[in-house]
Amino acid sequence: AVETLKTFEKKDSRVKSAAATNLSFLYYLENELAQATDYADLAVNSDRYNAAALTNKGNTVFAIGDYEKAAEFYKEALRNDSSCTEALYNLGLSYKKLNRIDEALDCFLKLHAILRNNAQVLHQIANIYEVMEDPNQAIDWLMQLISVVPTDPRVLSKLGKLYDNEGDKSQAFHYYYESYRHFPSNIEVIEWLGAYYID
């Protein structure tokens, strides 16, 4: 794929930008950040209105921990293409890293309106409500999430933990037991169930 894409580097700016965008993404997946950054820069310089190129550039900056600058690239990508869901999702992650929780929640709620049953988006919203110390909302969003991925043991154990914190032992047991059923090797879940049976 890399060799094929490199043959397009000498074409006109739009083709060059598209090829560089894909090369940047491939290098990013291989964790070769220097190469990913170089191709992201080439893609952006070839076509400043390429939302995917701006998102890739944001990803390379995010990977080195500059979340503020990454957020700027994602916002620019969204100004160029308001339907770029990758940029919106990553902008939400940037805001989470910057502890701008309300703005992160706004991004993920907008995404939820576009991608109704996306498990990652539902998880992020539930997680933000947990960070905001609103367990009831977190539980509501996790319930939506398990309707999409009913056998995810981490989601089930998270529900168990939230119900346990709320003092609802029977619901906590139900979700911890379901988590154990799907993944019987989680020590934390086994410990909770053992303590529950002792009680």
N, C-alpha and C. Protein backbone atom coordinates (compact mmCIF):
# COMPACT_ATOMS: atom_id res chain seq x y z
N ALA A 1 0.83 -1.20 0.00
CA ALA A 1 0.00 0.00 0.00
C ALA A 1 0.87 1.25 0.00
N VAL A 2 1.92 1.23 0.81
CA VAL A 2 2.82 2.39 0.89
C VAL A 2 3.49 2.64 -0.45
N GLU A 3 3.99 1.57 -1.07
CA GLU A 3 4.66 1.74 -2.38
C GLU A 3 3.70 2.30 -3.42
N THR A 4 2.50 1.79 -3.46
CA THR A 4 1.51 2.27 -4.43
C THR A 4 1.20 3.74 -4.20
N LEU A 5 1.00 4.11 -2.94
CA LEU A 5 0.65 5.50 -2.63
C LEU A 5 1.81 6.45 -2.95
N LYS A 6 3.04 5.98 -2.77
CA LYS A 6 4.19 6.85 -3.05
C LYS A 6 4.29 7.22 -4.52
N THR A 7 3.71 6.39 -5.39
CA THR A 7 3.76 6.71 -6.83
C THR A 7 2.89 7.93 -7.15
N PHE A 8 1.97 8.29 -6.25
CA PHE A 8 1.09 9.45 -6.49
C PHE A 8 1.67 10.76 -5.96
N GLU A 9 2.84 10.70 -5.30
CA GLU A 9 3.39 11.89 -4.67
C GLU A 9 3.69 13.02 -5.65
N LYS A 10 3.99 12.68 -6.90
CA LYS A 10 4.40 13.70 -7.85
C LYS A 10 3.25 14.22 -8.71
N LYS A 11 2.04 13.81 -8.39
CA LYS A 11 0.86 14.24 -9.16
C LYS A 11 0.43 15.63 -8.72
N ASP A 12 -0.75 16.08 -9.22
CA ASP A 12 -1.23 17.40 -8.85
C ASP A 12 -1.62 17.44 -7.37
N SER A 13 -1.84 18.64 -6.86
CA SER A 13 -1.94 18.83 -5.41
C SER A 13 -3.04 18.02 -4.74
N ARG A 14 -4.20 17.87 -5.39
CA ARG A 14 -5.30 17.12 -4.75
C ARG A 14 -4.96 15.64 -4.64
N VAL A 15 -4.41 15.08 -5.71
CA VAL A 15 -4.02 13.66 -5.69
C VAL A 15 -2.88 13.46 -4.70
N LYS A 16 -1.93 14.38 -4.73
CA LYS A 16 -0.80 14.30 -3.79
C LYS A 16 -1.30 14.37 -2.35
N SER A 17 -2.26 15.25 -2.09
CA SER A 17 -2.81 15.40 -0.74
C SER A 17 -3.51 14.12 -0.29
N ALA A 18 -4.29 13.52 -1.20
CA ALA A 18 -5.00 12.28 -0.87
C ALA A 18 -4.03 11.15 -0.58
N ALA A 19 -2.99 11.02 -1.42
CA ALA A 19 -1.98 9.97 -1.22
C ALA A 19 -1.22 10.20 0.09
N ALA A 20 -0.83 11.45 0.33
CA ALA A 20 -0.08 11.77 1.55
C ALA A 20 -0.95 11.54 2.79
N THR A 21 -2.25 11.83 2.69
CA THR A 21 -3.18 11.58 3.81
C THR A 21 -3.20 10.10 4.16
N ASN A 22 -3.31 9.26 3.14
CA ASN A 22 -3.33 7.80 3.38
C ASN A 22 -2.00 7.29 3.90
N LEU A 23 -0.89 7.82 3.35
CA LEU A 23 0.43 7.42 3.84
C LEU A 23 0.60 7.83 5.30
N SER A 24 0.17 9.03 5.63
CA SER A 24 0.26 9.50 7.01
C SER A 24 -0.49 8.56 7.94
N PHE A 25 -1.70 8.18 7.52
CA PHE A 25 -2.52 7.29 8.35
C PHE A 25 -1.86 5.92 8.52
N LEU A 26 -1.31 5.38 7.43
CA LEU A 26 -0.64 4.08 7.51
C LEU A 26 0.56 4.13 8.46
N TYR A 27 1.37 5.18 8.33
CA TYR A 27 2.53 5.31 9.23
C TYR A 27 2.08 5.52 10.68
N TYR A 28 0.98 6.23 10.85
CA TYR A 28 0.44 6.45 12.20
C TYR A 28 0.03 5.11 12.82
N LEU A 29 -0.64 4.26 12.02
CA LEU A 29 -1.05 2.94 12.50
C LEU A 29 0.15 2.08 12.87
N GLU A 30 1.26 2.27 12.15
CA GLU A 30 2.48 1.51 12.44
C GLU A 30 3.32 2.16 13.54
N ASN A 31 2.77 3.23 14.13
CA ASN A 31 3.43 3.96 15.22
C ASN A 31 4.76 4.59 14.78
N GLU A 32 4.86 4.94 13.51
CA GLU A 32 6.03 5.66 13.00
C GLU A 32 5.64 7.13 12.91
N LEU A 33 5.72 7.82 14.06
CA LEU A 33 5.18 9.17 14.16
C LEU A 33 5.91 10.19 13.31
N ALA A 34 7.23 10.03 13.17
CA ALA A 34 7.99 11.00 12.37
C ALA A 34 7.52 10.97 10.93
N GLN A 35 7.40 9.76 10.36
CA GLN A 35 6.92 9.60 8.98
C GLN A 35 5.47 10.07 8.86
N ALA A 36 4.65 9.71 9.84
CA ALA A 36 3.24 10.11 9.82
C ALA A 36 3.12 11.63 9.83
N THR A 37 3.96 12.27 10.63
CA THR A 37 3.95 13.74 10.70
C THR A 37 4.37 14.36 9.38
N ASP A 38 5.44 13.81 8.78
CA ASP A 38 5.94 14.35 7.50
C ASP A 38 4.85 14.28 6.43
N TYR A 39 4.18 13.14 6.33
CA TYR A 39 3.15 13.00 5.30
C TYR A 39 1.89 13.80 5.63
N ALA A 40 1.60 13.95 6.93
CA ALA A 40 0.46 14.79 7.31
C ALA A 40 0.73 16.24 6.90
N ASP A 41 1.98 16.70 7.13
CA ASP A 41 2.35 18.06 6.71
C ASP A 41 2.25 18.22 5.20
N LEU A 42 2.75 17.22 4.46
CA LEU A 42 2.68 17.26 3.00
C LEU A 42 1.22 17.32 2.53
N ALA A 43 0.37 16.51 3.15
CA ALA A 43 -1.05 16.48 2.77
C ALA A 43 -1.72 17.82 3.04
N VAL A 44 -1.45 18.41 4.19
CA VAL A 44 -2.07 19.69 4.55
C VAL A 44 -1.55 20.80 3.65
N ASN A 45 -0.24 20.79 3.37
CA ASN A 45 0.35 21.82 2.50
C ASN A 45 -0.15 21.71 1.07
N SER A 46 -0.45 20.49 0.63
CA SER A 46 -0.94 20.29 -0.73
C SER A 46 -2.40 20.71 -0.88
N ASP A 47 -3.19 20.54 0.21
CA ASP A 47 -4.62 20.90 0.16
C ASP A 47 -5.07 21.25 1.57
N ARG A 48 -5.08 22.54 1.86
CA ARG A 48 -5.41 23.02 3.21
C ARG A 48 -6.86 22.74 3.59
N TYR A 49 -7.70 22.38 2.61
CA TYR A 49 -9.12 22.13 2.89
C TYR A 49 -9.44 20.65 3.02
N ASN A 50 -8.42 19.81 3.06
CA ASN A 50 -8.59 18.37 3.18
C ASN A 50 -8.81 18.01 4.66
N ALA A 51 -10.07 17.73 5.01
CA ALA A 51 -10.41 17.46 6.42
C ALA A 51 -9.68 16.23 6.96
N ALA A 52 -9.52 15.20 6.12
CA ALA A 52 -8.83 13.98 6.57
C ALA A 52 -7.36 14.27 6.86
N ALA A 53 -6.74 15.12 6.03
CA ALA A 53 -5.34 15.49 6.24
C ALA A 53 -5.19 16.26 7.55
N LEU A 54 -6.11 17.19 7.80
CA LEU A 54 -6.06 17.97 9.04
C LEU A 54 -6.29 17.08 10.25
N THR A 55 -7.18 16.09 10.11
CA THR A 55 -7.42 15.14 11.21
C THR A 55 -6.16 14.32 11.49
N ASN A 56 -5.50 13.85 10.42
CA ASN A 56 -4.24 13.10 10.61
C ASN A 56 -3.19 13.96 11.28
N LYS A 57 -3.10 15.22 10.86
CA LYS A 57 -2.13 16.13 11.47
C LYS A 57 -2.45 16.29 12.96
N GLY A 58 -3.74 16.45 13.26
CA GLY A 58 -4.16 16.52 14.66
C GLY A 58 -3.78 15.26 15.43
N ASN A 59 -3.93 14.10 14.80
CA ASN A 59 -3.59 12.83 15.45
C ASN A 59 -2.11 12.75 15.80
N THR A 60 -1.26 13.23 14.88
CA THR A 60 0.19 13.16 15.14
C THR A 60 0.56 14.10 16.29
N VAL A 61 -0.11 15.24 16.38
CA VAL A 61 0.15 16.20 17.46
C VAL A 61 -0.42 15.65 18.78
N PHE A 62 -1.60 15.03 18.70
CA PHE A 62 -2.23 14.40 19.88
C PHE A 62 -1.29 13.33 20.45
N ALA A 63 -0.67 12.55 19.56
CA ALA A 63 0.19 11.43 19.98
C ALA A 63 1.40 11.90 20.79
N ILE A 64 1.85 13.14 20.56
CA ILE A 64 2.99 13.64 21.34
C ILE A 64 2.54 14.45 22.56
N GLY A 65 1.21 14.51 22.76
CA GLY A 65 0.69 15.12 23.99
C GLY A 65 0.32 16.59 23.89
N ASP A 66 0.36 17.18 22.70
CA ASP A 66 -0.04 18.59 22.55
C ASP A 66 -1.52 18.65 22.20
N TYR A 67 -2.37 18.47 23.21
CA TYR A 67 -3.81 18.32 23.00
C TYR A 67 -4.47 19.63 22.54
N GLU A 68 -3.92 20.75 23.00
CA GLU A 68 -4.47 22.06 22.59
C GLU A 68 -4.30 22.26 21.09
N LYS A 69 -3.10 21.98 20.60
CA LYS A 69 -2.82 22.15 19.17
C LYS A 69 -3.61 21.12 18.35
N ALA A 70 -3.70 19.90 18.87
CA ALA A 70 -4.48 18.86 18.19
C ALA A 70 -5.93 19.32 18.03
N ALA A 71 -6.49 19.90 19.10
CA ALA A 71 -7.87 20.39 19.05
C ALA A 71 -8.05 21.44 17.96
N GLU A 72 -7.03 22.28 17.76
CA GLU A 72 -7.11 23.31 16.71
C GLU A 72 -7.19 22.66 15.33
N PHE A 73 -6.38 21.62 15.11
CA PHE A 73 -6.44 20.92 13.81
C PHE A 73 -7.80 20.26 13.59
N TYR A 74 -8.33 19.63 14.64
CA TYR A 74 -9.63 18.98 14.51
C TYR A 74 -10.73 20.00 14.23
N LYS A 75 -10.65 21.17 14.90
CA LYS A 75 -11.66 22.22 14.65
C LYS A 75 -11.57 22.74 13.23
N GLU A 76 -10.34 22.87 12.72
CA GLU A 76 -10.17 23.32 11.34
C GLU A 76 -10.73 22.28 10.37
N ALA A 77 -10.49 21.01 10.67
CA ALA A 77 -11.04 19.93 9.83
C ALA A 77 -12.57 20.02 9.80
N LEU A 78 -13.17 20.30 10.95
CA LEU A 78 -14.63 20.39 11.03
C LEU A 78 -15.16 21.64 10.32
N ARG A 79 -14.37 22.71 10.32
CA ARG A 79 -14.79 23.90 9.57
C ARG A 79 -14.82 23.61 8.07
N ASN A 80 -13.90 22.76 7.62
CA ASN A 80 -13.83 22.40 6.20
C ASN A 80 -14.85 21.32 5.82
N ASP A 81 -15.16 20.44 6.78
CA ASP A 81 -16.13 19.37 6.51
C ASP A 81 -16.84 19.04 7.83
N SER A 82 -18.02 19.61 8.00
CA SER A 82 -18.74 19.46 9.27
C SER A 82 -19.19 18.02 9.52
N SER A 83 -19.13 17.15 8.49
CA SER A 83 -19.54 15.76 8.67
C SER A 83 -18.36 14.83 8.96
N CYS A 84 -17.19 15.39 9.25
CA CYS A 84 -15.99 14.57 9.52
C CYS A 84 -16.08 14.03 10.96
N THR A 85 -16.65 12.84 11.08
CA THR A 85 -16.89 12.27 12.41
C THR A 85 -15.59 11.95 13.16
N GLU A 86 -14.52 11.59 12.41
CA GLU A 86 -13.25 11.29 13.06
C GLU A 86 -12.72 12.54 13.78
N ALA A 87 -12.81 13.68 13.12
CA ALA A 87 -12.33 14.93 13.73
C ALA A 87 -13.16 15.28 14.96
N LEU A 88 -14.48 15.09 14.88
CA LEU A 88 -15.35 15.40 16.01
C LEU A 88 -15.06 14.48 17.19
N TYR A 89 -14.88 13.19 16.92
CA TYR A 89 -14.56 12.22 17.98
C TYR A 89 -13.23 12.58 18.65
N ASN A 90 -12.22 12.85 17.82
CA ASN A 90 -10.89 13.15 18.36
C ASN A 90 -10.86 14.50 19.07
N LEU A 91 -11.71 15.44 18.62
CA LEU A 91 -11.82 16.71 19.33
C LEU A 91 -12.38 16.46 20.74
N GLY A 92 -13.37 15.57 20.83
CA GLY A 92 -13.90 15.20 22.14
C GLY A 92 -12.83 14.59 23.04
N LEU A 93 -11.99 13.72 22.46
CA LEU A 93 -10.90 13.12 23.24
C LEU A 93 -9.89 14.17 23.69
N SER A 94 -9.61 15.14 22.80
CA SER A 94 -8.68 16.22 23.16
C SER A 94 -9.23 17.03 24.32
N TYR A 95 -10.51 17.37 24.25
CA TYR A 95 -11.12 18.12 25.35
C TYR A 95 -11.09 17.33 26.65
N LYS A 96 -11.28 16.00 26.57
CA LYS A 96 -11.19 15.17 27.77
C LYS A 96 -9.79 15.26 28.38
N LYS A 97 -8.78 15.17 27.52
CA LYS A 97 -7.39 15.25 27.99
C LYS A 97 -7.09 16.60 28.61
N LEU A 98 -7.73 17.65 28.07
CA LEU A 98 -7.53 19.02 28.58
C LEU A 98 -8.42 19.32 29.78
N ASN A 99 -9.21 18.32 30.21
CA ASN A 99 -10.15 18.44 31.32
C ASN A 99 -11.23 19.49 31.06
N ARG A 100 -11.57 19.66 29.79
CA ARG A 100 -12.68 20.54 29.41
C ARG A 100 -13.90 19.63 29.16
N ILE A 101 -14.42 19.13 30.27
CA ILE A 101 -15.39 18.03 30.25
C ILE A 101 -16.69 18.42 29.54
N ASP A 102 -17.19 19.62 29.80
CA ASP A 102 -18.45 20.02 29.17
C ASP A 102 -18.32 20.08 27.65
N GLU A 103 -17.18 20.58 27.17
CA GLU A 103 -16.96 20.66 25.72
C GLU A 103 -16.80 19.26 25.12
N ALA A 104 -16.14 18.36 25.87
CA ALA A 104 -15.99 16.98 25.42
C ALA A 104 -17.36 16.32 25.30
N LEU A 105 -18.20 16.52 26.32
CA LEU A 105 -19.54 15.94 26.30
C LEU A 105 -20.34 16.47 25.12
N ASP A 106 -20.21 17.77 24.83
CA ASP A 106 -20.91 18.37 23.70
C ASP A 106 -20.51 17.69 22.39
N CYS A 107 -19.21 17.44 22.21
CA CYS A 107 -18.73 16.76 21.00
C CYS A 107 -19.35 15.37 20.87
N PHE A 108 -19.34 14.61 21.96
CA PHE A 108 -19.83 13.23 21.89
C PHE A 108 -21.35 13.17 21.73
N LEU A 109 -22.06 14.14 22.31
CA LEU A 109 -23.51 14.17 22.12
C LEU A 109 -23.86 14.52 20.67
N LYS A 110 -23.08 15.43 20.05
CA LYS A 110 -23.27 15.73 18.63
C LYS A 110 -23.01 14.49 17.79
N LEU A 111 -21.95 13.77 18.14
CA LEU A 111 -21.61 12.53 17.42
C LEU A 111 -22.72 11.51 17.57
N HIS A 112 -23.28 11.42 18.78
CA HIS A 112 -24.36 10.46 19.02
C HIS A 112 -25.57 10.75 18.13
N ALA A 113 -25.81 12.03 17.86
CA ALA A 113 -26.92 12.40 16.98
C ALA A 113 -26.66 11.93 15.55
N ILE A 114 -25.37 11.82 15.17
CA ILE A 114 -25.00 11.38 13.81
C ILE A 114 -24.88 9.86 13.76
N LEU A 115 -24.20 9.28 14.75
CA LEU A 115 -23.94 7.84 14.79
C LEU A 115 -24.72 7.25 15.98
N ARG A 116 -25.98 6.95 15.77
CA ARG A 116 -26.89 6.61 16.86
C ARG A 116 -26.42 5.45 17.75
N ASN A 117 -25.94 4.38 17.17
CA ASN A 117 -25.61 3.20 17.96
C ASN A 117 -24.13 2.86 17.92
N ASN A 118 -23.29 3.88 17.93
CA ASN A 118 -21.85 3.65 17.92
C ASN A 118 -21.38 3.36 19.34
N ALA A 119 -20.82 2.16 19.54
CA ALA A 119 -20.42 1.72 20.88
C ALA A 119 -19.37 2.64 21.49
N GLN A 120 -18.40 3.10 20.68
CA GLN A 120 -17.34 3.95 21.23
C GLN A 120 -17.89 5.28 21.72
N VAL A 121 -18.83 5.85 20.97
CA VAL A 121 -19.43 7.13 21.35
C VAL A 121 -20.24 6.95 22.64
N LEU A 122 -21.05 5.90 22.70
CA LEU A 122 -21.84 5.64 23.91
C LEU A 122 -20.92 5.45 25.12
N HIS A 123 -19.82 4.75 24.93
CA HIS A 123 -18.87 4.54 26.02
C HIS A 123 -18.28 5.86 26.50
N GLN A 124 -17.90 6.72 25.55
CA GLN A 124 -17.31 8.01 25.93
C GLN A 124 -18.30 8.85 26.73
N ILE A 125 -19.55 8.88 26.29
CA ILE A 125 -20.57 9.68 26.99
C ILE A 125 -20.76 9.15 28.41
N ALA A 126 -20.86 7.81 28.54
CA ALA A 126 -21.02 7.20 29.87
C ALA A 126 -19.82 7.55 30.75
N ASN A 127 -18.64 7.47 30.19
CA ASN A 127 -17.41 7.76 30.93
C ASN A 127 -17.38 9.21 31.40
N ILE A 128 -17.81 10.13 30.53
CA ILE A 128 -17.82 11.54 30.92
C ILE A 128 -18.79 11.78 32.07
N TYR A 129 -19.97 11.16 32.00
CA TYR A 129 -20.91 11.32 33.11
C TYR A 129 -20.36 10.74 34.40
N GLU A 130 -19.57 9.67 34.28
CA GLU A 130 -18.94 9.11 35.47
C GLU A 130 -17.92 10.08 36.04
N VAL A 131 -17.13 10.71 35.16
CA VAL A 131 -16.15 11.72 35.58
C VAL A 131 -16.87 12.91 36.24
N MET A 132 -18.04 13.26 35.71
CA MET A 132 -18.83 14.37 36.26
C MET A 132 -19.57 13.98 37.53
N GLU A 133 -19.37 12.73 37.97
CA GLU A 133 -20.00 12.19 39.18
C GLU A 133 -21.53 12.24 39.10
N ASP A 134 -22.02 11.79 37.94
CA ASP A 134 -23.47 11.66 37.73
C ASP A 134 -23.74 10.19 37.39
N PRO A 135 -23.78 9.32 38.43
CA PRO A 135 -23.89 7.88 38.17
C PRO A 135 -25.18 7.47 37.46
N ASN A 136 -26.27 8.19 37.71
CA ASN A 136 -27.53 7.82 37.06
C ASN A 136 -27.45 7.99 35.55
N GLN A 137 -26.88 9.10 35.10
CA GLN A 137 -26.69 9.31 33.67
C GLN A 137 -25.70 8.30 33.10
N ALA A 138 -24.62 8.03 33.85
CA ALA A 138 -23.63 7.05 33.39
C ALA A 138 -24.29 5.69 33.20
N ILE A 139 -25.13 5.30 34.15
CA ILE A 139 -25.84 4.01 34.05
C ILE A 139 -26.76 4.00 32.84
N ASP A 140 -27.49 5.09 32.64
CA ASP A 140 -28.40 5.16 31.48
C ASP A 140 -27.66 4.95 30.16
N TRP A 141 -26.51 5.62 30.02
CA TRP A 141 -25.74 5.49 28.77
C TRP A 141 -25.10 4.11 28.64
N LEU A 142 -24.68 3.53 29.78
CA LEU A 142 -24.12 2.17 29.72
C LEU A 142 -25.20 1.15 29.36
N MET A 143 -26.43 1.41 29.79
CA MET A 143 -27.54 0.52 29.41
C MET A 143 -27.76 0.57 27.90
N GLN A 144 -27.66 1.77 27.32
CA GLN A 144 -27.75 1.87 25.86
C GLN A 144 -26.59 1.12 25.21
N LEU A 145 -25.42 1.24 25.83
CA LEU A 145 -24.24 0.58 25.28
C LEU A 145 -24.38 -0.94 25.29
N ILE A 146 -24.91 -1.51 26.38
CA ILE A 146 -25.04 -2.98 26.39
C ILE A 146 -26.15 -3.46 25.47
N SER A 147 -27.03 -2.57 25.05
CA SER A 147 -28.01 -2.98 24.03
C SER A 147 -27.32 -3.14 22.67
N VAL A 148 -26.16 -2.47 22.51
CA VAL A 148 -25.38 -2.57 21.27
C VAL A 148 -24.34 -3.70 21.37
N VAL A 149 -23.67 -3.80 22.52
CA VAL A 149 -22.65 -4.85 22.74
C VAL A 149 -23.01 -5.61 24.03
N PRO A 150 -24.00 -6.50 23.96
CA PRO A 150 -24.52 -7.13 25.18
C PRO A 150 -23.57 -8.08 25.90
N THR A 151 -22.48 -8.48 25.26
CA THR A 151 -21.58 -9.45 25.90
C THR A 151 -20.23 -8.85 26.27
N ASP A 152 -20.11 -7.53 26.30
CA ASP A 152 -18.83 -6.90 26.66
C ASP A 152 -18.64 -6.97 28.17
N PRO A 153 -17.67 -7.79 28.64
CA PRO A 153 -17.53 -7.98 30.09
C PRO A 153 -17.10 -6.71 30.83
N ARG A 154 -16.35 -5.81 30.16
CA ARG A 154 -15.91 -4.58 30.84
C ARG A 154 -17.10 -3.65 31.08
N VAL A 155 -17.98 -3.55 30.10
CA VAL A 155 -19.17 -2.70 30.28
C VAL A 155 -20.05 -3.28 31.37
N LEU A 156 -20.22 -4.59 31.37
CA LEU A 156 -21.06 -5.24 32.39
C LEU A 156 -20.47 -5.05 33.79
N SER A 157 -19.15 -5.17 33.92
CA SER A 157 -18.55 -4.98 35.25
C SER A 157 -18.61 -3.52 35.67
N LYS A 158 -18.52 -2.60 34.70
CA LYS A 158 -18.65 -1.17 35.02
C LYS A 158 -20.05 -0.88 35.56
N LEU A 159 -21.07 -1.48 34.93
CA LEU A 159 -22.43 -1.33 35.44
C LEU A 159 -22.55 -1.90 36.86
N GLY A 160 -21.94 -3.07 37.06
CA GLY A 160 -21.95 -3.66 38.40
C GLY A 160 -21.33 -2.73 39.43
N LYS A 161 -20.21 -2.12 39.06
CA LYS A 161 -19.50 -1.21 39.98
C LYS A 161 -20.36 0.01 40.30
N LEU A 162 -20.99 0.58 39.27
CA LEU A 162 -21.82 1.77 39.50
C LEU A 162 -23.02 1.44 40.39
N TYR A 163 -23.67 0.30 40.11
CA TYR A 163 -24.80 -0.10 40.96
C TYR A 163 -24.35 -0.38 42.39
N ASP A 164 -23.17 -0.97 42.54
CA ASP A 164 -22.63 -1.25 43.87
C ASP A 164 -22.39 0.06 44.62
N ASN A 165 -21.80 1.05 43.92
CA ASN A 165 -21.55 2.36 44.55
C ASN A 165 -22.85 3.04 44.96
N GLU A 166 -23.92 2.74 44.22
CA GLU A 166 -25.23 3.32 44.53
C GLU A 166 -25.96 2.53 45.62
N GLY A 167 -25.37 1.41 46.04
CA GLY A 167 -25.96 0.61 47.11
C GLY A 167 -26.98 -0.41 46.65
N ASP A 168 -27.08 -0.61 45.33
CA ASP A 168 -28.05 -1.58 44.79
C ASP A 168 -27.33 -2.91 44.54
N LYS A 169 -27.25 -3.73 45.60
CA LYS A 169 -26.46 -4.96 45.54
C LYS A 169 -27.03 -5.98 44.55
N SER A 170 -28.36 -6.07 44.43
CA SER A 170 -28.93 -7.09 43.55
C SER A 170 -28.63 -6.78 42.08
N GLN A 171 -28.73 -5.50 41.69
CA GLN A 171 -28.38 -5.12 40.32
C GLN A 171 -26.88 -5.27 40.10
N ALA A 172 -26.09 -4.88 41.10
CA ALA A 172 -24.64 -5.01 41.01
C ALA A 172 -24.27 -6.49 40.79
N PHE A 173 -24.90 -7.37 41.57
CA PHE A 173 -24.64 -8.81 41.42
C PHE A 173 -24.99 -9.27 40.01
N HIS A 174 -26.15 -8.85 39.52
CA HIS A 174 -26.59 -9.26 38.19
C HIS A 174 -25.53 -8.92 37.14
N TYR A 175 -25.02 -7.69 37.13
CA TYR A 175 -24.08 -7.27 36.09
C TYR A 175 -22.68 -7.84 36.31
N TYR A 176 -22.27 -7.94 37.57
CA TYR A 176 -20.98 -8.58 37.83
C TYR A 176 -21.02 -10.06 37.41
N TYR A 177 -22.15 -10.73 37.70
CA TYR A 177 -22.26 -12.13 37.33
C TYR A 177 -22.26 -12.31 35.81
N GLU A 178 -22.96 -11.41 35.11
CA GLU A 178 -22.97 -11.46 33.64
C GLU A 178 -21.57 -11.22 33.08
N SER A 179 -20.86 -10.29 33.70
CA SER A 179 -19.48 -10.02 33.28
C SER A 179 -18.61 -11.27 33.47
N TYR A 180 -18.77 -11.90 34.63
CA TYR A 180 -18.02 -13.13 34.94
C TYR A 180 -18.37 -14.25 33.95
N ARG A 181 -19.64 -14.34 33.58
CA ARG A 181 -20.08 -15.37 32.64
C ARG A 181 -19.38 -15.24 31.28
N HIS A 182 -19.18 -14.00 30.85
CA HIS A 182 -18.56 -13.77 29.54
C HIS A 182 -17.04 -13.74 29.60
N PHE A 183 -16.49 -13.43 30.78
CA PHE A 183 -15.03 -13.39 30.92
C PHE A 183 -14.68 -13.78 32.35
N PRO A 184 -14.51 -15.08 32.60
CA PRO A 184 -14.34 -15.56 33.98
C PRO A 184 -12.95 -15.36 34.57
N SER A 185 -12.10 -14.56 33.94
CA SER A 185 -10.73 -14.39 34.44
C SER A 185 -10.45 -13.02 35.04
N ASN A 186 -11.47 -12.18 35.18
CA ASN A 186 -11.25 -10.85 35.74
C ASN A 186 -11.23 -10.96 37.27
N ILE A 187 -10.04 -10.78 37.86
CA ILE A 187 -9.85 -10.97 39.30
C ILE A 187 -10.74 -10.02 40.11
N GLU A 188 -10.86 -8.78 39.66
CA GLU A 188 -11.68 -7.80 40.37
C GLU A 188 -13.14 -8.27 40.48
N VAL A 189 -13.65 -8.80 39.37
CA VAL A 189 -15.03 -9.30 39.36
C VAL A 189 -15.16 -10.52 40.26
N ILE A 190 -14.19 -11.43 40.18
CA ILE A 190 -14.21 -12.64 41.03
C ILE A 190 -14.19 -12.25 42.51
N GLU A 191 -13.33 -11.27 42.86
CA GLU A 191 -13.24 -10.83 44.25
C GLU A 191 -14.58 -10.27 44.73
N TRP A 192 -15.22 -9.46 43.87
CA TRP A 192 -16.51 -8.86 44.26
C TRP A 192 -17.55 -9.96 44.47
N LEU A 193 -17.61 -10.90 43.54
CA LEU A 193 -18.59 -12.00 43.66
C LEU A 193 -18.33 -12.84 44.89
N GLY A 194 -17.05 -13.12 45.17
CA GLY A 194 -16.71 -13.88 46.36
C GLY A 194 -17.16 -13.18 47.63
N ALA A 195 -16.90 -11.87 47.71
CA ALA A 195 -17.31 -11.08 48.87
C ALA A 195 -18.84 -11.05 48.99
N TYR A 196 -19.51 -10.96 47.85
CA TYR A 196 -20.97 -10.94 47.83
C TYR A 196 -21.53 -12.25 48.39
N TYR A 197 -20.96 -13.39 47.95
CA TYR A 197 -21.42 -14.69 48.44
C TYR A 197 -21.14 -14.85 49.93
N ILE A 198 -20.00 -14.33 50.40
CA ILE A 198 -19.69 -14.40 51.83
C ILE A 198 -20.73 -13.61 52.63
N ASP A 199 -21.06 -12.40 52.13
CA ASP A 199 -22.09 -11.58 52.79
C ASP A 199 -23.42 -12.31 52.84
